[in-house]
Amino acid sequence: MTNATLTDLTCIEELLARLVKQDVFEKEIFNTLWHTYLNFGTKFKDLNASMPLEERNRVIAECKHEQKSAI
């Protein structure tokens, strides 16, 4: 979602709300994706200050990708 505007994100949020209300997909799937998005991906908790910089950057990149994919 490069260059997405606030309007774009608001429309996506509204679409997701409508899909959940209409039971288009299982709520557990939605909850899992939403949890992944809110927590910056599943590997974010693995980051620590003792990691080499290159490894930290790789994990951060994975987390950003996972977070964007959850949307």
PDB file of N, CA and C in Angstrom:
ATOM      1  N   MET A   1       0.831  -1.179   0.000  1.00  0.00           N
ATOM      2  CA  MET A   1       0.000   0.000   0.000  1.00  0.00           C
ATOM      3  C   MET A   1       0.879   1.247   0.000  1.00  0.00           C
ATOM      4  N   THR A   2       1.753   1.303  -0.935  1.00  0.00           N
ATOM      5  CA  THR A   2       2.619   2.456  -1.057  1.00  0.00           C
ATOM      6  C   THR A   2       1.799   3.675  -1.468  1.00  0.00           C
ATOM      7  N   ASN A   3       2.082   4.780  -0.832  1.00  0.00           N
ATOM      8  CA  ASN A   3       1.415   6.060  -1.128  1.00  0.00           C
ATOM      9  C   ASN A   3      -0.079   6.053  -0.832  1.00  0.00           C
ATOM     10  N   ALA A   4      -0.534   5.197   0.058  1.00  0.00           N
ATOM     11  CA  ALA A   4      -1.952   5.167   0.425  1.00  0.00           C
ATOM     12  C   ALA A   4      -2.290   6.418   1.227  1.00  0.00           C
ATOM     13  N   THR A   5      -3.454   6.962   0.951  1.00  0.00           N
ATOM     14  CA  THR A   5      -3.910   8.143   1.677  1.00  0.00           C
ATOM     15  C   THR A   5      -4.792   7.713   2.841  1.00  0.00           C
ATOM     16  N   LEU A   6      -5.103   8.655   3.692  1.00  0.00           N
ATOM     17  CA  LEU A   6      -6.006   8.378   4.810  1.00  0.00           C
ATOM     18  C   LEU A   6      -7.367   7.927   4.285  1.00  0.00           C
ATOM     19  N   THR A   7      -7.799   8.515   3.190  1.00  0.00           N
ATOM     20  CA  THR A   7      -9.079   8.119   2.584  1.00  0.00           C
ATOM     21  C   THR A   7      -9.033   6.665   2.127  1.00  0.00           C
ATOM     22  N   ASP A   8      -7.926   6.261   1.511  1.00  0.00           N
ATOM     23  CA  ASP A   8      -7.772   4.865   1.076  1.00  0.00           C
ATOM     24  C   ASP A   8      -7.890   3.915   2.258  1.00  0.00           C
ATOM     25  N   LEU A   9      -7.178   4.225   3.324  1.00  0.00           N
ATOM     26  CA  LEU A   9      -7.195   3.365   4.505  1.00  0.00           C
ATOM     27  C   LEU A   9      -8.569   3.332   5.162  1.00  0.00           C
ATOM     28  N   THR A  10      -9.242   4.470   5.181  1.00  0.00           N
ATOM     29  CA  THR A  10     -10.589   4.531   5.759  1.00  0.00           C
ATOM     30  C   THR A  10     -11.553   3.665   4.949  1.00  0.00           C
ATOM     31  N   CYS A  11     -11.430   3.701   3.639  1.00  0.00           N
ATOM     32  CA  CYS A  11     -12.290   2.874   2.780  1.00  0.00           C
ATOM     33  C   CYS A  11     -12.046   1.392   3.020  1.00  0.00           C
ATOM     34  N   ILE A  12     -10.776   1.013   3.156  1.00  0.00           N
ATOM     35  CA  ILE A  12     -10.454  -0.387   3.430  1.00  0.00           C
ATOM     36  C   ILE A  12     -11.018  -0.807   4.779  1.00  0.00           C
ATOM     37  N   GLU A  13     -10.890   0.058   5.771  1.00  0.00           N
ATOM     38  CA  GLU A  13     -11.426  -0.243   7.100  1.00  0.00           C
ATOM     39  C   GLU A  13     -12.942  -0.432   7.036  1.00  0.00           C
ATOM     40  N   GLU A  14     -13.619   0.423   6.295  1.00  0.00           N
ATOM     41  CA  GLU A  14     -15.070   0.315   6.159  1.00  0.00           C
ATOM     42  C   GLU A  14     -15.446  -0.973   5.420  1.00  0.00           C
ATOM     43  N   LEU A  15     -14.705  -1.306   4.387  1.00  0.00           N
ATOM     44  CA  LEU A  15     -14.962  -2.548   3.654  1.00  0.00           C
ATOM     45  C   LEU A  15     -14.799  -3.757   4.561  1.00  0.00           C
ATOM     46  N   LEU A  16     -13.722  -3.782   5.347  1.00  0.00           N
ATOM     47  CA  LEU A  16     -13.514  -4.899   6.269  1.00  0.00           C
ATOM     48  C   LEU A  16     -14.643  -4.990   7.296  1.00  0.00           C
ATOM     49  N   ALA A  17     -15.078  -3.857   7.821  1.00  0.00           N
ATOM     50  CA  ALA A  17     -16.171  -3.864   8.795  1.00  0.00           C
ATOM     51  C   ALA A  17     -17.435  -4.466   8.181  1.00  0.00           C
ATOM     52  N   ARG A  18     -17.724  -4.096   6.953  1.00  0.00           N
ATOM     53  CA  ARG A  18     -18.915  -4.639   6.283  1.00  0.00           C
ATOM     54  C   ARG A  18     -18.773  -6.138   6.014  1.00  0.00           C
ATOM     55  N   LEU A  19     -17.591  -6.561   5.618  1.00  0.00           N
ATOM     56  CA  LEU A  19     -17.369  -7.988   5.361  1.00  0.00           C
ATOM     57  C   LEU A  19     -17.515  -8.815   6.629  1.00  0.00           C
ATOM     58  N   VAL A  20     -17.031  -8.293   7.746  1.00  0.00           N
ATOM     59  CA  VAL A  20     -17.164  -9.003   9.019  1.00  0.00           C
ATOM     60  C   VAL A  20     -18.633  -9.085   9.426  1.00  0.00           C
ATOM     61  N   LYS A  21     -19.370  -7.997   9.280  1.00  0.00           N
ATOM     62  CA  LYS A  21     -20.788  -7.981   9.645  1.00  0.00           C
ATOM     63  C   LYS A  21     -21.596  -8.965   8.807  1.00  0.00           C
ATOM     64  N   GLN A  22     -21.190  -9.147   7.552  1.00  0.00           N
ATOM     65  CA  GLN A  22     -21.921 -10.043   6.644  1.00  0.00           C
ATOM     66  C   GLN A  22     -21.382 -11.475   6.678  1.00  0.00           C
ATOM     67  N   ASP A  23     -20.440 -11.731   7.592  1.00  0.00           N
ATOM     68  CA  ASP A  23     -19.842 -13.065   7.719  1.00  0.00           C
ATOM     69  C   ASP A  23     -19.286 -13.596   6.402  1.00  0.00           C
ATOM     70  N   VAL A  24     -18.620 -12.715   5.650  1.00  0.00           N
ATOM     71  CA  VAL A  24     -18.024 -13.123   4.383  1.00  0.00           C
ATOM     72  C   VAL A  24     -16.844 -14.059   4.623  1.00  0.00           C
ATOM     73  N   PHE A  25     -16.099 -13.817   5.672  1.00  0.00           N
ATOM     74  CA  PHE A  25     -15.040 -14.736   6.056  1.00  0.00           C
ATOM     75  C   PHE A  25     -15.093 -14.930   7.553  1.00  0.00           C
ATOM     76  N   GLU A  26     -14.476 -16.005   8.002  1.00  0.00           N
ATOM     77  CA  GLU A  26     -14.565 -16.367   9.405  1.00  0.00           C
ATOM     78  C   GLU A  26     -13.947 -15.290  10.294  1.00  0.00           C
ATOM     79  N   LYS A  27     -14.610 -15.016  11.392  1.00  0.00           N
ATOM     80  CA  LYS A  27     -14.127 -13.983  12.306  1.00  0.00           C
ATOM     81  C   LYS A  27     -12.768 -14.339  12.913  1.00  0.00           C
ATOM     82  N   GLU A  28     -12.494 -15.630  13.076  1.00  0.00           N
ATOM     83  CA  GLU A  28     -11.195 -16.020  13.629  1.00  0.00           C
ATOM     84  C   GLU A  28     -10.059 -15.630  12.680  1.00  0.00           C
ATOM     85  N   ILE A  29     -10.303 -15.767  11.386  1.00  0.00           N
ATOM     86  CA  ILE A  29      -9.298 -15.340  10.411  1.00  0.00           C
ATOM     87  C   ILE A  29      -9.081 -13.842  10.520  1.00  0.00           C
ATOM     88  N   PHE A  30     -10.165 -13.093  10.566  1.00  0.00           N
ATOM     89  CA  PHE A  30     -10.067 -11.641  10.711  1.00  0.00           C
ATOM     90  C   PHE A  30      -9.322 -11.286  11.990  1.00  0.00           C
ATOM     91  N   ASN A  31      -9.668 -11.937  13.090  1.00  0.00           N
ATOM     92  CA  ASN A  31      -9.016 -11.646  14.374  1.00  0.00           C
ATOM     93  C   ASN A  31      -7.522 -11.951  14.332  1.00  0.00           C
ATOM     94  N   THR A  32      -7.144 -13.049  13.680  1.00  0.00           N
ATOM     95  CA  THR A  32      -5.730 -13.403  13.565  1.00  0.00           C
ATOM     96  C   THR A  32      -4.972 -12.358  12.753  1.00  0.00           C
ATOM     97  N   LEU A  33      -5.546 -11.946  11.631  1.00  0.00           N
ATOM     98  CA  LEU A  33      -4.901 -10.926  10.806  1.00  0.00           C
ATOM     99  C   LEU A  33      -4.806  -9.598  11.548  1.00  0.00           C
ATOM    100  N   TRP A  34      -5.868  -9.231  12.238  1.00  0.00           N
ATOM    101  CA  TRP A  34      -5.878  -7.971  12.981  1.00  0.00           C
ATOM    102  C   TRP A  34      -4.841  -8.012  14.102  1.00  0.00           C
ATOM    103  N   HIS A  35      -4.745  -9.116  14.788  1.00  0.00           N
ATOM    104  CA  HIS A  35      -3.754  -9.274  15.857  1.00  0.00           C
ATOM    105  C   HIS A  35      -2.336  -9.172  15.284  1.00  0.00           C
ATOM    106  N   THR A  36      -2.100  -9.793  14.135  1.00  0.00           N
ATOM    107  CA  THR A  36      -0.795  -9.718  13.474  1.00  0.00           C
ATOM    108  C   THR A  36      -0.467  -8.271  13.125  1.00  0.00           C
ATOM    109  N   TYR A  37      -1.454  -7.563  12.600  1.00  0.00           N
ATOM    110  CA  TYR A  37      -1.239  -6.158  12.232  1.00  0.00           C
ATOM    111  C   TYR A  37      -0.916  -5.302  13.459  1.00  0.00           C
ATOM    112  N   LEU A  38      -1.692  -5.447  14.514  1.00  0.00           N
ATOM    113  CA  LEU A  38      -1.498  -4.630  15.713  1.00  0.00           C
ATOM    114  C   LEU A  38      -0.189  -4.905  16.428  1.00  0.00           C
ATOM    115  N   ASN A  39       0.302  -6.136  16.310  1.00  0.00           N
ATOM    116  CA  ASN A  39       1.527  -6.515  17.014  1.00  0.00           C
ATOM    117  C   ASN A  39       2.753  -6.502  16.112  1.00  0.00           C
ATOM    118  N   PHE A  40       2.668  -5.809  14.990  1.00  0.00           N
ATOM    119  CA  PHE A  40       3.804  -5.629  14.074  1.00  0.00           C
ATOM    120  C   PHE A  40       4.354  -6.947  13.541  1.00  0.00           C
ATOM    121  N   GLY A  41       3.514  -7.933  13.390  1.00  0.00           N
ATOM    122  CA  GLY A  41       3.960  -9.229  12.890  1.00  0.00           C
ATOM    123  C   GLY A  41       4.257 -10.183  14.030  1.00  0.00           C
ATOM    124  N   THR A  42       4.401 -11.437  13.692  1.00  0.00           N
ATOM    125  CA  THR A  42       4.587 -12.452  14.732  1.00  0.00           C
ATOM    126  C   THR A  42       6.018 -12.515  15.250  1.00  0.00           C
ATOM    127  N   LYS A  43       6.990 -12.006  14.489  1.00  0.00           N
ATOM    128  CA  LYS A  43       8.390 -12.089  14.909  1.00  0.00           C
ATOM    129  C   LYS A  43       8.885 -10.850  15.639  1.00  0.00           C
ATOM    130  N   PHE A  44       8.045  -9.833  15.777  1.00  0.00           N
ATOM    131  CA  PHE A  44       8.467  -8.585  16.405  1.00  0.00           C
ATOM    132  C   PHE A  44       8.961  -8.810  17.827  1.00  0.00           C
ATOM    133  N   LYS A  45       8.334  -9.726  18.522  1.00  0.00           N
ATOM    134  CA  LYS A  45       8.713  -9.996  19.921  1.00  0.00           C
ATOM    135  C   LYS A  45      10.098 -10.635  20.028  1.00  0.00           C
ATOM    136  N   ASP A  46      10.613 -11.163  18.903  1.00  0.00           N
ATOM    137  CA  ASP A  46      11.934 -11.797  18.904  1.00  0.00           C
ATOM    138  C   ASP A  46      13.085 -10.790  18.839  1.00  0.00           C
ATOM    139  N   LEU A  47      12.775  -9.534  18.552  1.00  0.00           N
ATOM    140  CA  LEU A  47      13.823  -8.519  18.464  1.00  0.00           C
ATOM    141  C   LEU A  47      14.420  -8.244  19.834  1.00  0.00           C
ATOM    142  N   ASN A  48      15.727  -8.065  19.869  1.00  0.00           N
ATOM    143  CA  ASN A  48      16.370  -7.656  21.118  1.00  0.00           C
ATOM    144  C   ASN A  48      17.640  -6.874  20.791  1.00  0.00           C
ATOM    145  N   ALA A  49      18.105  -6.128  21.747  1.00  0.00           N
ATOM    146  CA  ALA A  49      19.246  -5.232  21.543  1.00  0.00           C
ATOM    147  C   ALA A  49      20.546  -5.981  21.283  1.00  0.00           C
ATOM    148  N   SER A  50      20.635  -7.229  21.671  1.00  0.00           N
ATOM    149  CA  SER A  50      21.887  -7.970  21.489  1.00  0.00           C
ATOM    150  C   SER A  50      22.046  -8.560  20.087  1.00  0.00           C
ATOM    151  N   MET A  51      21.009  -8.473  19.265  1.00  0.00           N
ATOM    152  CA  MET A  51      21.088  -8.989  17.897  1.00  0.00           C
ATOM    153  C   MET A  51      22.032  -8.125  17.068  1.00  0.00           C
ATOM    154  N   PRO A  52      22.763  -8.730  16.170  1.00  0.00           N
ATOM    155  CA  PRO A  52      23.562  -7.928  15.236  1.00  0.00           C
ATOM    156  C   PRO A  52      22.640  -7.036  14.394  1.00  0.00           C
ATOM    157  N   LEU A  53      23.132  -5.884  14.012  1.00  0.00           N
ATOM    158  CA  LEU A  53      22.325  -4.904  13.290  1.00  0.00           C
ATOM    159  C   LEU A  53      21.716  -5.495  12.015  1.00  0.00           C
ATOM    160  N   GLU A  54      22.484  -6.257  11.281  1.00  0.00           N
ATOM    161  CA  GLU A  54      21.979  -6.847  10.036  1.00  0.00           C
ATOM    162  C   GLU A  54      20.804  -7.787  10.312  1.00  0.00           C
ATOM    163  N   GLU A  55      20.917  -8.586  11.364  1.00  0.00           N
ATOM    164  CA  GLU A  55      19.834  -9.507  11.736  1.00  0.00           C
ATOM    165  C   GLU A  55      18.600  -8.730  12.192  1.00  0.00           C
ATOM    166  N   ARG A  56      18.802  -7.689  12.998  1.00  0.00           N
ATOM    167  CA  ARG A  56      17.668  -6.856  13.445  1.00  0.00           C
ATOM    168  C   ARG A  56      16.951  -6.247  12.248  1.00  0.00           C
ATOM    169  N   ASN A  57      17.701  -5.727  11.290  1.00  0.00           N
ATOM    170  CA  ASN A  57      17.096  -5.125  10.104  1.00  0.00           C
ATOM    171  C   ASN A  57      16.319  -6.147   9.294  1.00  0.00           C
ATOM    172  N   ARG A  58      16.837  -7.371   9.206  1.00  0.00           N
ATOM    173  CA  ARG A  58      16.135  -8.425   8.480  1.00  0.00           C
ATOM    174  C   ARG A  58      14.815  -8.762   9.158  1.00  0.00           C
ATOM    175  N   VAL A  59      14.848  -8.898  10.485  1.00  0.00           N
ATOM    176  CA  VAL A  59      13.620  -9.212  11.230  1.00  0.00           C
ATOM    177  C   VAL A  59      12.619  -8.063  11.121  1.00  0.00           C
ATOM    178  N   ILE A  60      13.093  -6.832  11.220  1.00  0.00           N
ATOM    179  CA  ILE A  60      12.202  -5.673  11.091  1.00  0.00           C
ATOM    180  C   ILE A  60      11.554  -5.653   9.714  1.00  0.00           C
ATOM    181  N   ALA A  61      12.326  -5.935   8.671  1.00  0.00           N
ATOM    182  CA  ALA A  61      11.774  -5.976   7.311  1.00  0.00           C
ATOM    183  C   ALA A  61      10.708  -7.062   7.195  1.00  0.00           C
ATOM    184  N   GLU A  62      10.962  -8.230   7.786  1.00  0.00           N
ATOM    185  CA  GLU A  62       9.968  -9.312   7.783  1.00  0.00           C
ATOM    186  C   GLU A  62       8.705  -8.889   8.517  1.00  0.00           C
ATOM    187  N   CYS A  63       8.884  -8.218   9.649  1.00  0.00           N
ATOM    188  CA  CYS A  63       7.739  -7.765  10.442  1.00  0.00           C
ATOM    189  C   CYS A  63       6.902  -6.770   9.654  1.00  0.00           C
ATOM    190  N   LYS A  64       7.559  -5.822   8.991  1.00  0.00           N
ATOM    191  CA  LYS A  64       6.825  -4.834   8.183  1.00  0.00           C
ATOM    192  C   LYS A  64       6.073  -5.513   7.057  1.00  0.00           C
ATOM    193  N   HIS A  65       6.713  -6.476   6.415  1.00  0.00           N
ATOM    194  CA  HIS A  65       6.048  -7.194   5.326  1.00  0.00           C
ATOM    195  C   HIS A  65       4.832  -7.965   5.845  1.00  0.00           C
ATOM    196  N   GLU A  66       5.007  -8.642   6.959  1.00  0.00           N
ATOM    197  CA  GLU A  66       3.907  -9.421   7.543  1.00  0.00           C
ATOM    198  C   GLU A  66       2.763  -8.509   7.968  1.00  0.00           C
ATOM    199  N   GLN A  67       3.107  -7.362   8.550  1.00  0.00           N
ATOM    200  CA  GLN A  67       2.082  -6.419   8.982  1.00  0.00           C
ATOM    201  C   GLN A  67       1.296  -5.898   7.777  1.00  0.00           C
ATOM    202  N   LYS A  68       2.005  -5.521   6.708  1.00  0.00           N
ATOM    203  CA  LYS A  68       1.327  -5.042   5.508  1.00  0.00           C
ATOM    204  C   LYS A  68       0.466  -6.147   4.882  1.00  0.00           C
ATOM    205  N   SER A  69       0.966  -7.363   4.895  1.00  0.00           N
ATOM    206  CA  SER A  69       0.220  -8.483   4.328  1.00  0.00           C
ATOM    207  C   SER A  69      -1.060  -8.763   5.105  1.00  0.00           C
ATOM    208  N   ALA A  70      -1.028  -8.506   6.405  1.00  0.00           N
ATOM    209  CA  ALA A  70      -2.212  -8.749   7.231  1.00  0.00           C
ATOM    210  C   ALA A  70      -3.363  -7.835   6.844  1.00  0.00           C
ATOM    211  N   ILE A  71      -3.021  -6.653   6.359  1.00  0.00           N
ATOM    212  CA  ILE A  71      -4.067  -5.717   5.927  1.00  0.00           C
ATOM    213  C   ILE A  71      -4.794  -6.308   4.756  1.00  0.00           C
TER     214      ILE A  71
END
